[in-house]
Amino acid sequence: MKVKTPAVGGICQSTQGRDKDRYYLIKTVYPDGTVGVVDGNFKKLAAPKKKNLKHLRLLPEKAESIAAKLTDGRQVFDTEVYSALKSYNYPQREQTVEDRNIT
């Protein structure tokens, strides 16, 4: 299912730019066709990255608890955003014997 309209708290993936393939959470939707996105690590809530919608792939998933806090005006921490996006940006990989330095 494709998502056409951005929503606060929605998860999206960058398709253009040096941050290509990075996942973000939508913090604000601007009327000029852009959104303010954050990831809790490189782009903090205090300074969201402004991205054009045509450079994003909107996912059907949404961080409901963070979206509720953002719309109510309650405080959201960068660690909450980072934890919500951790499985997208940093997928688990299996460790090999070489990674663990076991001889």
C-alpha atoms as a PDB file:
ATOM      1  CA  MET A   1       0.000   0.000   0.000  1.00  0.00           C
ATOM      2  CA  LYS A   2       1.436   3.344  -1.062  1.00  0.00           C
ATOM      3  CA  VAL A   3       1.061   6.336   1.188  1.00  0.00           C
ATOM      4  CA  LYS A   4       0.330   9.542  -0.701  1.00  0.00           C
ATOM      5  CA  THR A   5       0.007  12.181   2.004  1.00  0.00           C
ATOM      6  CA  PRO A   6       2.518  12.737   4.806  1.00  0.00           C
ATOM      7  CA  ALA A   7       1.389  12.620   8.419  1.00  0.00           C
ATOM      8  CA  VAL A   8       3.113  13.718  11.605  1.00  0.00           C
ATOM      9  CA  GLY A   9       4.757  10.665  13.164  1.00  0.00           C
ATOM     10  CA  GLY A  10       4.926   8.809   9.855  1.00  0.00           C
ATOM     11  CA  ILE A  11       8.065   6.959   8.827  1.00  0.00           C
ATOM     12  CA  CYS A  12       9.732   7.726   5.516  1.00  0.00           C
ATOM     13  CA  GLN A  13      12.866   6.814   3.595  1.00  0.00           C
ATOM     14  CA  SER A  14      15.094   9.291   1.787  1.00  0.00           C
ATOM     15  CA  THR A  15      15.525   8.503  -1.909  1.00  0.00           C
ATOM     16  CA  GLN A  16      17.807  11.383  -2.927  1.00  0.00           C
ATOM     17  CA  GLY A  17      20.787  13.223  -1.511  1.00  0.00           C
ATOM     18  CA  ARG A  18      23.724  12.211   0.600  1.00  0.00           C
ATOM     19  CA  ASP A  19      21.339  10.734   3.163  1.00  0.00           C
ATOM     20  CA  LYS A  20      19.874   8.325   0.601  1.00  0.00           C
ATOM     21  CA  ASP A  21      18.319   5.155   2.105  1.00  0.00           C
ATOM     22  CA  ARG A  22      18.170   6.669   5.617  1.00  0.00           C
ATOM     23  CA  TYR A  23      14.880   6.405   7.482  1.00  0.00           C
ATOM     24  CA  TYR A  24      13.282   9.394   9.177  1.00  0.00           C
ATOM     25  CA  LEU A  25      10.262  10.287  11.259  1.00  0.00           C
ATOM     26  CA  ILE A  26       8.111  13.176  10.018  1.00  0.00           C
ATOM     27  CA  LYS A  27       8.012  15.944  12.633  1.00  0.00           C
ATOM     28  CA  THR A  28       6.209  18.689  10.714  1.00  0.00           C
ATOM     29  CA  VAL A  29       4.366  19.041   7.414  1.00  0.00           C
ATOM     30  CA  TYR A  30       4.837  22.408   5.720  1.00  0.00           C
ATOM     31  CA  PRO A  31       2.241  23.865   3.304  1.00  0.00           C
ATOM     32  CA  ASP A  32       4.792  24.300   0.495  1.00  0.00           C
ATOM     33  CA  GLY A  33       5.133  20.543  -0.163  1.00  0.00           C
ATOM     34  CA  THR A  34       8.034  19.870   2.171  1.00  0.00           C
ATOM     35  CA  VAL A  35       8.325  18.118   5.517  1.00  0.00           C
ATOM     36  CA  GLY A  36      10.621  18.416   8.519  1.00  0.00           C
ATOM     37  CA  VAL A  37      12.195  15.042   9.272  1.00  0.00           C
ATOM     38  CA  VAL A  38      14.245  13.797  12.247  1.00  0.00           C
ATOM     39  CA  ASP A  39      16.094  10.591  13.085  1.00  0.00           C
ATOM     40  CA  GLY A  40      17.170  11.235  16.674  1.00  0.00           C
ATOM     41  CA  ASN A  41      20.840  10.748  15.841  1.00  0.00           C
ATOM     42  CA  PHE A  42      22.109  12.992  13.041  1.00  0.00           C
ATOM     43  CA  LYS A  43      19.003  15.155  12.725  1.00  0.00           C
ATOM     44  CA  LYS A  44      17.692  16.127  16.141  1.00  0.00           C
ATOM     45  CA  LEU A  45      14.224  17.366  17.058  1.00  0.00           C
ATOM     46  CA  ALA A  46      15.591  20.852  17.709  1.00  0.00           C
ATOM     47  CA  ALA A  47      16.721  21.223  14.064  1.00  0.00           C
ATOM     48  CA  PRO A  48      14.721  19.003  11.679  1.00  0.00           C
ATOM     49  CA  LYS A  49      15.908  18.486   8.110  1.00  0.00           C
ATOM     50  CA  LYS A  50      13.644  20.044   5.495  1.00  0.00           C
ATOM     51  CA  LYS A  51      13.040  17.557   2.660  1.00  0.00           C
ATOM     52  CA  ASN A  52      10.935  17.765  -0.467  1.00  0.00           C
ATOM     53  CA  LEU A  53       8.198  15.125  -0.658  1.00  0.00           C
ATOM     54  CA  LYS A  54       9.355  13.949  -4.073  1.00  0.00           C
ATOM     55  CA  HIS A  55      12.677  12.956  -2.476  1.00  0.00           C
ATOM     56  CA  LEU A  56      10.993  10.717   0.114  1.00  0.00           C
ATOM     57  CA  ARG A  57       9.297   7.337   0.060  1.00  0.00           C
ATOM     58  CA  LEU A  58       6.465   7.380   2.587  1.00  0.00           C
ATOM     59  CA  LEU A  59       5.954   4.109   4.453  1.00  0.00           C
ATOM     60  CA  PRO A  60       2.588   2.905   5.795  1.00  0.00           C
ATOM     61  CA  GLU A  61       4.080   2.499   9.298  1.00  0.00           C
ATOM     62  CA  LYS A  62       3.633   5.218  11.894  1.00  0.00           C
ATOM     63  CA  ALA A  63       5.084   5.791  15.358  1.00  0.00           C
ATOM     64  CA  GLU A  64       1.740   6.277  17.124  1.00  0.00           C
ATOM     65  CA  SER A  65       3.041   7.244  20.577  1.00  0.00           C
ATOM     66  CA  ILE A  66       5.453   9.847  19.192  1.00  0.00           C
ATOM     67  CA  ALA A  67       2.802  11.192  16.806  1.00  0.00           C
ATOM     68  CA  ALA A  68       0.385  11.678  19.710  1.00  0.00           C
ATOM     69  CA  LYS A  69       3.015  13.551  21.709  1.00  0.00           C
ATOM     70  CA  LEU A  70       3.932  15.795  18.768  1.00  0.00           C
ATOM     71  CA  THR A  71       0.314  16.722  18.019  1.00  0.00           C
ATOM     72  CA  ASP A  72      -0.489  17.348  21.703  1.00  0.00           C
ATOM     73  CA  GLY A  73       2.568  19.564  22.115  1.00  0.00           C
ATOM     74  CA  ARG A  74       4.157  17.326  24.744  1.00  0.00           C
ATOM     75  CA  GLN A  75       7.917  16.925  24.924  1.00  0.00           C
ATOM     76  CA  VAL A  76       9.501  14.246  22.760  1.00  0.00           C
ATOM     77  CA  PHE A  77      13.102  13.174  23.264  1.00  0.00           C
ATOM     78  CA  ASP A  78      15.621  12.311  20.566  1.00  0.00           C
ATOM     79  CA  THR A  79      16.167   8.921  22.205  1.00  0.00           C
ATOM     80  CA  GLU A  80      12.499   8.037  21.605  1.00  0.00           C
ATOM     81  CA  VAL A  81      12.822   8.830  17.905  1.00  0.00           C
ATOM     82  CA  TYR A  82      16.125   6.954  17.675  1.00  0.00           C
ATOM     83  CA  SER A  83      14.594   3.874  19.324  1.00  0.00           C
ATOM     84  CA  ALA A  84      11.587   3.950  16.996  1.00  0.00           C
ATOM     85  CA  LEU A  85      13.827   4.060  13.913  1.00  0.00           C
ATOM     86  CA  LYS A  86      16.583   1.757  15.173  1.00  0.00           C
ATOM     87  CA  SER A  87      15.225  -1.342  13.430  1.00  0.00           C
ATOM     88  CA  TYR A  88      15.074   0.555  10.114  1.00  0.00           C
ATOM     89  CA  ASN A  89      18.428   2.378  10.136  1.00  0.00           C
ATOM     90  CA  TYR A  90      20.488  -0.233  11.973  1.00  0.00           C
ATOM     91  CA  PRO A  91      19.214  -3.717  11.108  1.00  0.00           C
ATOM     92  CA  GLN A  92      20.641  -6.558  13.133  1.00  0.00           C
ATOM     93  CA  ARG A  93      23.244  -8.633  11.391  1.00  0.00           C
ATOM     94  CA  GLU A  94      24.589 -11.973  12.386  1.00  0.00           C
ATOM     95  CA  GLN A  95      28.016 -11.958  13.955  1.00  0.00           C
ATOM     96  CA  THR A  96      30.599 -14.197  12.441  1.00  0.00           C
ATOM     97  CA  VAL A  97      33.576 -15.696  14.203  1.00  0.00           C
ATOM     98  CA  GLU A  98      35.804 -12.963  12.730  1.00  0.00           C
ATOM     99  CA  ASP A  99      33.551 -10.214  14.141  1.00  0.00           C
ATOM    100  CA  ARG A 100      33.768 -11.607  17.653  1.00  0.00           C
ATOM    101  CA  ASN A 101      37.549 -12.126  17.546  1.00  0.00           C
ATOM    102  CA  ILE A 102      37.264 -15.664  18.878  1.00  0.00           C
ATOM    103  CA  THR A 103      40.149 -17.922  18.019  1.00  0.00           C
END
